[in-house]
Protein backbone atom coordinates (compact mmCIF):
# COMPACT_ATOMS: atom_id res chain seq x y z
CA UNK A 1 -14.01 8.52 5.13
CA UNK A 2 -12.29 6.14 3.47
CA UNK A 3 -13.53 5.14 -0.22
CA UNK A 4 -11.64 2.38 -2.35
CA UNK A 5 -9.88 3.38 -5.50
CA UNK A 6 -9.50 1.44 -8.63
CA UNK A 7 -6.16 2.49 -9.87
CA UNK A 8 -4.81 1.39 -12.80
CA UNK A 9 -2.02 1.92 -14.52
CA UNK A 10 0.00 0.81 -17.64
CA UNK A 11 1.93 -1.85 -17.03
CA UNK A 12 3.45 -3.05 -13.59
CA UNK A 13 5.17 0.75 -13.42
CA UNK A 14 4.32 4.08 -12.81
CA UNK A 15 6.66 6.72 -11.64
CA UNK A 16 5.39 11.32 -12.09
CA UNK A 17 5.36 14.02 -10.76
CA UNK A 18 2.21 15.12 -9.14
CA UNK A 19 0.90 18.39 -6.71
CA UNK A 20 -0.90 18.35 -3.76
CA UNK A 21 -4.79 20.04 -3.56
CA UNK A 22 -5.06 22.53 -1.05
CA UNK A 23 -8.32 21.31 -0.35
CA UNK A 24 -9.50 18.35 2.70
CA UNK A 25 -10.45 15.16 0.86
CA UNK A 26 -11.87 11.32 1.82
CA UNK A 27 -8.75 9.33 2.60
CA UNK A 28 -8.51 6.79 -0.48
CA UNK A 29 -7.37 2.91 0.19
CA UNK A 30 -5.73 0.45 -3.35
CA UNK A 31 -4.46 -2.91 -4.05
CA UNK A 32 -1.57 -0.31 -5.37
CA UNK A 33 1.30 0.01 -3.79
CA UNK A 34 2.49 2.92 -3.75
CA UNK A 35 5.90 5.24 -3.05
CA UNK A 36 5.43 9.42 -2.31
CA UNK A 37 8.68 11.62 -2.58
CA UNK A 38 8.39 14.97 -2.11
CA UNK A 39 10.43 17.05 -3.88
CA UNK A 40 9.31 20.31 -2.73
CA UNK A 41 7.35 23.07 -0.64
CA UNK A 42 5.47 21.34 2.62
CA UNK A 43 2.01 18.95 2.81
CA UNK A 44 0.57 17.00 6.02
CA UNK A 45 0.34 13.13 4.71
CA UNK A 46 -2.51 12.11 6.23
CA UNK A 47 -2.74 8.34 7.19
CA UNK A 48 -5.59 6.68 8.10
CA UNK A 49 -6.67 8.91 11.39
CA UNK A 50 -2.42 10.56 11.99
CA UNK A 51 -1.60 13.55 9.96
CA UNK A 52 2.28 13.38 8.90
CA UNK A 53 4.68 16.69 8.38
CA UNK A 54 6.02 15.93 4.83
CA UNK A 55 8.98 17.96 4.22
CA UNK A 56 10.86 17.91 0.86
CA UNK A 57 13.61 14.89 0.88
CA UNK A 58 10.67 12.41 3.27
CA UNK A 59 9.60 9.39 2.05
CA UNK A 60 6.19 7.95 2.14
CA UNK A 61 5.15 4.36 2.39
CA UNK A 62 1.80 4.29 1.24
CA UNK A 63 0.57 0.54 2.42
CA UNK A 64 -1.89 -1.47 0.90
CA UNK A 65 -4.39 -1.35 3.83
CA UNK A 66 -3.52 2.26 4.80
CA UNK A 67 -6.19 4.67 3.86
CA UNK A 68 -4.10 8.26 2.80
CA UNK A 69 -4.07 11.66 0.83
CA UNK A 70 -2.27 14.03 0.83
CA UNK A 71 -2.91 17.77 1.49
CA UNK A 72 -1.18 21.13 0.24
CA UNK A 73 0.59 22.92 3.82
CA UNK A 74 -0.20 26.33 2.51
CA UNK A 75 -2.32 26.84 0.00
CA UNK A 76 -0.33 29.13 -2.24
CA UNK A 77 2.82 26.64 -2.06
CA UNK A 78 1.33 23.52 -3.72
CA UNK A 79 4.08 20.25 -2.31
CA UNK A 80 5.68 18.92 -5.24
CA UNK A 81 5.91 15.62 -5.09
CA UNK A 82 7.24 12.49 -6.63
CA UNK A 83 4.38 9.40 -6.63
CA UNK A 84 5.20 5.68 -8.09
CA UNK A 85 2.87 2.77 -7.85
CA UNK A 86 4.13 -0.32 -8.67
CA UNK A 87 2.28 -4.37 -8.79
CA UNK A 88 3.74 -6.50 -6.29
CA UNK A 89 4.74 -8.71 -9.68
CA UNK A 90 7.39 -6.10 -10.89
CA UNK A 91 10.03 -8.17 -8.11
CA UNK A 92 9.46 -11.65 -9.25
CA UNK A 93 12.52 -11.34 -11.63
CA UNK A 94 14.61 -9.84 -9.29
CA UNK A 95 17.02 -12.45 -6.52
CA UNK A 96 14.61 -12.23 -3.14
CA UNK A 97 12.75 -9.90 -4.79
CA UNK A 98 9.92 -10.52 -2.48
CA UNK A 99 11.68 -9.49 0.54
CA UNK A 100 12.29 -5.79 -0.94
CA UNK A 101 8.25 -5.97 -0.04
CA UNK A 102 8.10 -6.19 3.78
CA UNK A 103 8.05 -2.87 4.50
CA UNK A 104 4.68 -2.14 2.90
CA UNK A 105 3.17 -5.24 4.17
CA UNK A 106 4.10 -4.15 8.24
CA UNK A 107 0.73 -2.59 9.22
CA UNK A 108 1.42 -0.47 12.37
CA UNK A 109 5.03 0.99 11.93
CA UNK A 110 5.33 4.46 10.71
CA UNK A 111 4.94 5.05 7.35
CA UNK A 112 6.92 8.18 6.99
CA UNK A 113 11.62 7.89 6.67
CA UNK A 114 13.23 11.24 7.03
CA UNK A 115 15.20 13.52 4.70
CA UNK A 116 17.46 12.92 7.09
CA UNK A 117 18.20 9.58 6.84
CA UNK A 118 20.48 8.12 4.03
CA UNK A 119 18.08 5.60 2.59
CA UNK A 120 15.32 8.20 2.30
CA UNK A 121 18.77 10.66 0.82
CA UNK A 122 19.18 7.58 -1.96
CA UNK A 123 15.51 6.11 -2.45
CA UNK A 124 15.00 10.18 -3.54
CA UNK A 125 17.65 11.03 -5.67
CA UNK A 126 16.74 7.58 -7.55
CA UNK A 127 12.62 9.04 -7.85
CA UNK A 128 13.93 12.26 -9.53
CA UNK A 129 16.67 10.97 -11.68
CA UNK A 130 14.22 8.25 -13.01
CA UNK A 131 11.61 11.02 -13.57
CA UNK A 132 13.96 13.56 -15.03
CA UNK A 133 15.16 10.49 -17.56
CA UNK A 134 11.80 10.05 -18.32
CA UNK A 135 10.81 13.43 -18.98
CA UNK A 136 14.15 13.85 -21.22
CA UNK A 137 13.81 11.38 -23.54
CA UNK A 138 16.16 9.55 -22.48
CA UNK A 139 15.96 5.96 -25.45
CA UNK A 140 16.26 3.64 -22.01
CA UNK A 141 14.48 5.29 -19.68
CA UNK A 142 11.96 2.66 -19.31
CA UNK A 143 14.74 -0.03 -18.69
CA UNK A 144 15.93 2.40 -15.74
CA UNK A 145 12.74 3.33 -14.50
CA UNK A 146 12.97 -0.73 -13.21
CA UNK A 147 16.65 -0.19 -12.19
CA UNK A 148 15.89 2.62 -10.16
CA UNK A 149 12.75 1.49 -8.55
CA UNK A 150 15.13 -1.71 -7.39
CA UNK A 151 16.87 0.68 -6.02
CA UNK A 152 14.97 2.54 -4.14
CA UNK A 153 13.13 -0.75 -2.87
CA UNK A 154 16.56 -1.95 -1.64
CA UNK A 155 16.64 1.45 0.13
CA UNK A 156 12.82 1.13 1.76
CA UNK A 157 14.24 -2.64 2.81
CA UNK A 158 17.61 -1.63 4.50
CA UNK A 159 16.10 1.15 6.11
CA UNK A 160 13.13 -0.96 8.45
CA UNK A 161 14.96 -3.67 8.70
CA UNK A 162 17.97 -1.04 10.52
CA UNK A 163 15.14 0.52 12.58
CA UNK A 164 13.06 -2.18 13.57
CA UNK A 165 14.54 -3.67 16.85
CA UNK A 166 11.87 -6.95 16.16
CA UNK A 167 12.14 -8.00 12.48
CA UNK A 168 14.64 -10.91 12.51
CA UNK A 169 15.81 -12.12 9.20
CA UNK A 170 13.01 -11.94 7.01
CA UNK A 171 12.84 -15.45 4.52
CA UNK A 172 11.43 -14.67 1.70
CA UNK A 173 8.57 -17.83 2.00
CA UNK A 174 6.71 -15.28 4.51
CA UNK A 175 6.34 -12.81 1.71
CA UNK A 176 4.70 -15.34 -0.68
CA UNK A 177 2.40 -16.21 1.79
CA UNK A 178 1.33 -13.13 2.47
CA UNK A 179 0.77 -12.66 -1.42
CA UNK A 180 -1.22 -15.56 -0.85
CA UNK A 181 -3.16 -14.27 1.52
CA UNK A 182 -3.95 -11.09 -1.28
CA UNK A 183 -4.62 -12.72 -3.68
CA UNK A 184 -7.17 -15.63 -1.87
CA UNK A 185 -8.52 -13.33 -0.29
CA UNK A 186 -12.37 -14.10 -1.62
CA UNK A 187 -11.80 -17.28 -1.93
CA UNK A 188 -11.33 -20.04 0.51
CA UNK A 189 -8.12 -19.52 2.51
CA UNK A 190 -6.58 -22.58 3.28
CA UNK A 191 -3.82 -21.55 6.26
CA UNK A 192 -2.03 -25.17 5.70
CA UNK A 193 -1.04 -24.32 2.70
CA UNK A 194 0.15 -20.37 3.68
CA UNK A 195 2.49 -22.34 5.86
CA UNK A 196 3.99 -24.57 3.61
CA UNK A 197 4.30 -21.43 1.09
CA UNK A 198 6.15 -19.82 3.73
CA UNK A 199 8.11 -23.05 4.24
CA UNK A 200 8.42 -21.62 8.20
CA UNK A 201 7.01 -24.36 10.98
CA UNK A 202 3.44 -23.52 11.77
CA UNK A 203 4.59 -21.55 15.09
CA UNK A 204 7.03 -19.77 13.93
CA UNK A 205 4.72 -19.15 10.80
CA UNK A 206 2.59 -17.17 13.09
CA UNK A 207 5.30 -15.49 15.18
CA UNK A 208 6.85 -14.28 12.15
CA UNK A 209 3.24 -13.42 10.32
CA UNK A 210 2.54 -11.23 12.98
CA UNK A 211 6.02 -9.28 13.37
CA UNK A 212 5.88 -7.89 10.20
CA UNK A 213 2.21 -7.60 9.37
CA UNK A 214 1.36 -6.58 12.71
CA UNK A 215 -1.75 -8.65 12.68
CA UNK A 216 -3.11 -12.34 13.11
CA UNK A 217 -3.68 -13.91 9.54
CA UNK A 218 -7.14 -13.66 10.02
CA UNK A 219 -6.82 -9.99 11.14
CA UNK A 220 -4.85 -9.65 7.97
CA UNK A 221 -7.20 -11.37 6.07
CA UNK A 222 -10.36 -9.63 6.97
CA UNK A 223 -8.48 -6.27 6.07
CA UNK A 224 -8.35 -7.77 2.57
CA UNK A 225 -12.13 -8.58 2.15
CA UNK A 226 -13.10 -6.02 3.40
CA UNK A 227 -11.59 -4.14 0.76
CA UNK A 228 -12.28 -6.23 -1.87
CA UNK A 229 -15.64 -5.24 -0.97
CA UNK A 230 -15.48 -1.82 -0.85
CA UNK A 231 -14.04 -1.98 -4.46
CA UNK A 232 -17.24 -4.53 -5.28
CA UNK A 233 -19.79 -2.21 -3.67
CA UNK A 234 -19.22 0.98 -5.97
CA UNK A 235 -18.19 -0.71 -9.25
CA UNK A 236 -20.71 -3.52 -9.51
CA UNK A 237 -24.98 -3.37 -8.60
CA UNK A 238 -24.84 -6.48 -6.85
CA UNK A 239 -26.54 -7.13 -3.44
CA UNK A 240 -24.78 -6.10 -0.26
CA UNK A 241 -26.06 -9.42 0.65
CA UNK A 242 -24.11 -10.78 -2.11
CA UNK A 243 -21.00 -8.85 -1.77
CA UNK A 244 -20.72 -9.87 1.36
CA UNK A 245 -20.55 -13.73 0.69
CA UNK A 246 -18.42 -13.31 -2.18
CA UNK A 247 -16.13 -11.63 0.41
CA UNK A 248 -15.41 -14.42 2.21
CA UNK A 249 -18.37 -13.43 4.70
CA UNK A 250 -20.75 -15.88 6.10
CA UNK A 251 -22.40 -13.67 8.34
CA UNK A 252 -24.04 -10.43 7.17
CA UNK A 253 -24.66 -8.68 9.88
CA UNK A 254 -20.23 -9.40 10.88
CA UNK A 255 -19.71 -8.05 7.84
CA UNK A 256 -21.99 -4.95 8.03
CA UNK A 257 -20.07 -4.32 11.42
CA UNK A 258 -16.54 -4.48 10.30
CA UNK A 259 -16.88 -2.20 7.09
CA UNK A 260 -18.68 -0.16 9.53
CA UNK A 261 -15.76 -0.04 11.88
CA UNK A 262 -12.57 0.06 8.70
CA UNK A 263 -14.36 2.81 6.73
CA UNK A 264 -17.07 4.06 9.37
CA UNK A 265 -19.96 4.01 7.14
CA UNK A 266 -22.32 1.59 6.24
CA UNK A 267 -21.71 -0.94 2.95
CA UNK A 268 -25.63 1.16 1.60
CA UNK A 269 -24.19 4.20 2.90
CA UNK A 270 -20.74 4.05 1.28
CA UNK A 271 -22.73 3.07 -1.70
CA UNK A 272 -24.90 5.72 -1.94
CA UNK A 273 -21.93 8.27 -1.03
CA UNK A 274 -19.37 7.37 -3.41
CA UNK A 275 -20.67 4.75 -6.53
CA UNK A 276 -21.96 8.77 -7.97
CA UNK A 277 -18.54 10.04 -8.01
CA UNK A 278 -16.69 6.90 -9.24
CA UNK A 279 -19.05 6.87 -12.92
């Protein structure tokens, strides 16, 4: 099963060491962008219905719409990894910063960058250095943490561009348009406004949107709306009908069908199972 996790961090960035658990667990999704760097011992990383072997040095890109969870491969040897959560807004003041987020919106690409890749090696080195500087109490660790994140994002972007023959030079405006879909998911979406934000012709916008995300704008929007609805189902007492309408669905039956297809449970069953766990 899948549940929506309302992850909160202080500021726009958090990096920490973490350890996998040996027991099975439902996968979660969240709106936070996430990078995971495997440090010690192997694990199984589940993304949707696919299990990936996670070995030391591997880097995983956890995308906003991928249900995921990491499990110990050997219960006697928990996997140590570096967990990085960050808000998309953190790149706003970086020249061409939006481009660095491209890998996080490509829904049909493998999430793993293998340890054998030089890009994974550099990203892992940056992550480990950042954590060590914080643990050592370096006076400038917060500033350097930001620097290390930008380095990591640069390597992940370069890996993506080098290994995906379908991608052309990505227009920064396209990523701005994708942000618009995420930010406005509960409101009335103006496709023409998204096209305007992208700076592309309408035809090129639709073509490039699918190349990058693997989805049409409508399919992408449906995912963001389902995610928003799942959050409301767990964290509010609103009726399912009101939640579906506020999420942008005009038909309750359509909402129920798409919710079941995405989360594996009907909305009422989802609330019954997960609301008590979220407190």
